[in-house]
Protein backbone atom coordinates (compact mmCIF):
# COMPACT_ATOMS: atom_id res chain seq x y z
CA MET A 1 228.61 210.15 213.93
CA ALA A 2 226.48 211.36 211.04
CA GLU A 3 223.17 209.62 210.59
CA GLY A 4 222.36 208.45 207.10
CA ILE A 5 218.89 208.96 205.78
CA LEU A 6 217.59 206.31 203.47
CA THR A 7 215.58 207.91 200.68
CA ARG A 8 213.77 206.44 197.72
CA VAL A 9 215.77 206.25 194.49
CA HIS A 10 213.68 207.91 191.82
CA SER A 11 213.35 206.29 188.44
CA LEU A 12 214.37 208.02 185.24
CA ARG A 13 210.69 208.42 184.45
CA THR A 14 210.16 210.50 187.59
CA HIS A 15 213.18 212.67 186.78
CA LEU A 16 212.07 213.13 183.18
CA ASP A 17 208.56 214.12 184.28
CA GLU A 18 210.08 216.84 186.47
CA THR A 19 212.41 217.98 183.67
CA PHE A 20 209.55 218.04 181.14
CA THR A 21 207.55 220.24 183.49
CA ALA A 22 210.45 222.69 183.91
CA HIS A 23 211.73 222.72 180.30
CA SER A 24 208.93 221.42 178.08
CA ASN A 25 209.63 223.75 175.11
CA GLU A 26 213.35 222.95 175.02
CA ILE A 27 212.82 219.20 175.29
CA LEU A 28 210.04 219.32 172.68
CA SER A 29 212.45 221.09 170.34
CA PHE A 30 215.00 218.29 170.76
CA LEU A 31 212.49 215.41 170.57
CA SER A 32 210.88 216.91 167.45
CA ARG A 33 214.26 216.89 165.73
CA VAL A 34 214.79 213.24 166.72
CA GLU A 35 211.27 212.32 165.55
CA SER A 36 211.87 214.07 162.21
CA HIS A 37 214.30 211.27 161.30
CA GLY A 38 211.26 209.04 160.94
CA LYS A 39 211.00 205.37 161.76
CA GLY A 40 214.35 203.91 162.74
CA ILE A 41 217.06 203.38 165.34
CA LEU A 42 219.39 206.20 166.34
CA GLN A 43 222.78 205.72 167.95
CA PRO A 44 224.25 207.91 170.74
CA HIS A 45 226.34 210.07 168.40
CA GLN A 46 223.23 210.86 166.33
CA LEU A 47 221.29 211.88 169.46
CA LEU A 48 224.13 214.12 170.64
CA ALA A 49 224.34 215.70 167.16
CA GLU A 50 220.61 216.50 167.33
CA PHE A 51 221.09 217.94 170.80
CA GLU A 52 223.90 220.17 169.55
CA ALA A 53 221.66 221.31 166.67
CA ILE A 54 218.90 222.78 168.85
CA PRO A 55 219.06 226.55 169.49
CA GLU A 56 221.83 227.56 171.88
CA ALA A 57 219.47 229.13 174.42
CA SER A 58 217.51 225.87 174.68
CA ARG A 59 220.67 223.79 174.83
CA LYS A 60 222.09 225.89 177.69
CA LYS A 61 218.95 225.33 179.78
CA LEU A 62 219.29 221.55 179.38
CA THR A 63 223.10 221.20 179.48
CA ASN A 64 223.58 221.40 183.24
CA GLY A 65 220.53 219.36 184.13
CA LEU A 66 219.60 215.74 184.44
CA PHE A 67 218.34 215.60 180.84
CA ARG A 68 221.90 215.94 179.50
CA GLU A 69 223.06 213.09 181.78
CA ILE A 70 220.22 210.87 180.56
CA LEU A 71 221.09 211.75 176.99
CA LYS A 72 224.77 210.87 177.57
CA SER A 73 223.72 207.51 179.09
CA THR A 74 221.36 206.63 176.24
CA CYS A 75 222.67 203.75 174.13
CA THR A 76 219.82 203.53 171.59
CA ALA A 77 216.75 205.49 170.57
CA ILE A 78 213.99 203.70 168.68
CA VAL A 79 211.76 206.07 166.74
CA LEU A 80 208.24 205.04 165.72
CA PRO A 81 206.44 208.42 165.47
CA PRO A 82 205.00 209.78 167.70
CA TRP A 83 206.91 207.48 170.11
CA ILE A 84 210.61 207.55 170.95
CA THR A 85 211.97 204.76 173.15
CA LEU A 86 215.29 205.25 174.90
CA ALA A 87 217.50 202.44 176.17
CA VAL A 88 219.43 204.13 178.98
CA ARG A 89 222.39 202.67 180.87
CA PRO A 90 222.92 205.03 183.80
CA ARG A 91 225.67 202.84 185.30
CA PRO A 92 227.22 199.44 184.53
CA GLY A 93 224.75 196.59 184.87
CA VAL A 94 221.70 198.85 185.08
CA TRP A 95 219.37 199.42 182.12
CA GLU A 96 216.21 201.48 182.03
CA TYR A 97 213.82 201.80 179.12
CA ILE A 98 211.86 205.01 178.66
CA HIS A 99 208.98 205.46 176.21
CA VAL A 100 208.19 209.10 175.28
CA ASN A 101 205.17 210.30 173.30
CA VAL A 102 206.43 213.43 171.52
CA SER A 103 202.94 214.73 170.72
CA ALA A 104 201.66 214.60 174.31
CA LEU A 105 205.01 214.77 176.18
CA VAL A 106 204.07 211.66 178.12
CA VAL A 107 206.78 209.48 179.63
CA GLU A 108 206.33 205.78 180.43
CA GLU A 109 208.77 203.30 181.88
CA LEU A 110 209.07 200.00 179.98
CA ARG A 111 210.10 196.54 181.11
CA VAL A 112 212.47 194.47 178.98
CA PRO A 113 209.73 192.43 177.19
CA GLU A 114 207.87 195.64 176.32
CA TYR A 115 211.06 197.21 174.97
CA LEU A 116 211.79 194.13 172.85
CA HIS A 117 208.20 194.15 171.61
CA PHE A 118 208.56 197.78 170.52
CA LYS A 119 211.89 197.03 168.82
CA GLU A 120 210.41 194.08 166.94
CA GLU A 121 207.46 196.22 165.87
CA LEU A 122 209.98 198.59 164.28
CA VAL A 123 211.67 195.75 162.38
CA ASP A 124 208.52 193.82 161.35
CA GLY A 125 206.21 196.76 160.91
CA ARG A 126 203.45 194.95 162.76
CA GLU A 127 202.57 194.02 166.30
CA THR A 128 203.83 190.65 167.46
CA HIS A 129 202.46 188.87 170.50
CA TYR A 130 204.97 187.07 172.69
CA THR A 131 204.90 183.90 174.67
CA VAL A 132 207.44 183.55 177.45
CA ILE A 133 209.15 180.19 177.94
CA PHE A 134 211.23 179.51 181.04
CA PRO A 135 213.73 176.76 180.18
CA SER A 136 216.22 175.60 182.77
CA PHE A 137 218.94 177.99 181.52
CA GLY A 138 216.91 181.25 181.70
CA GLU A 139 214.09 183.03 179.96
CA GLN A 140 213.51 183.71 176.29
CA TYR A 141 210.92 185.78 174.48
CA LEU A 142 209.54 184.16 171.36
CA PRO A 143 206.94 185.34 168.86
CA SER A 144 203.79 183.31 169.47
CA MET A 145 203.78 181.94 165.90
CA LEU A 146 207.24 180.45 166.51
CA PHE A 147 206.07 179.05 169.82
CA GLU A 148 203.07 177.44 168.06
CA SER A 149 205.35 175.53 165.69
CA ILE A 150 207.51 174.29 168.59
CA LYS A 151 204.40 173.29 170.51
CA ASN A 152 202.96 171.44 167.49
CA GLU A 153 206.26 169.60 166.93
CA ASP A 154 206.32 168.58 170.56
CA GLU A 155 202.72 167.34 170.49
CA ASN A 156 203.26 165.33 167.28
CA MET A 157 206.49 163.74 168.46
CA LYS A 158 206.30 159.94 168.51
CA PHE A 159 208.18 157.86 171.02
CA ASP A 160 209.29 154.31 170.30
């Protein structure tokens, strides 16, 4: 009987770090094209079009690797230069959020509240601080100014 070896499942961040080390010029070429769109949200077909637009030699180096698989699994890219945030769905029910600094080629993994914060910063154009409320039916992330108004209403409520 074959013995199974339990190994650690690496995060996308770990894989991207390794890929950046091996193919930094090719990935920088692609990310620079994505960043050139400026502030906004890019859909999968736009990312794939940018990938197809990089020089063929660069594209061939990345096509058979993990980077292409990550790109195919990416559902949204939020661009706020020099940052690009990818919402990646590697398999059903699993989401990972990757934050890439194009200037420094630094990769960070984000949690859901951090991803939502970054997305709201894109829409509002300013930083918003969040307060987390845990009602009985799950969690919600609310801007703190909205939470303040709810809190004030609650405190000023009069009971008969």
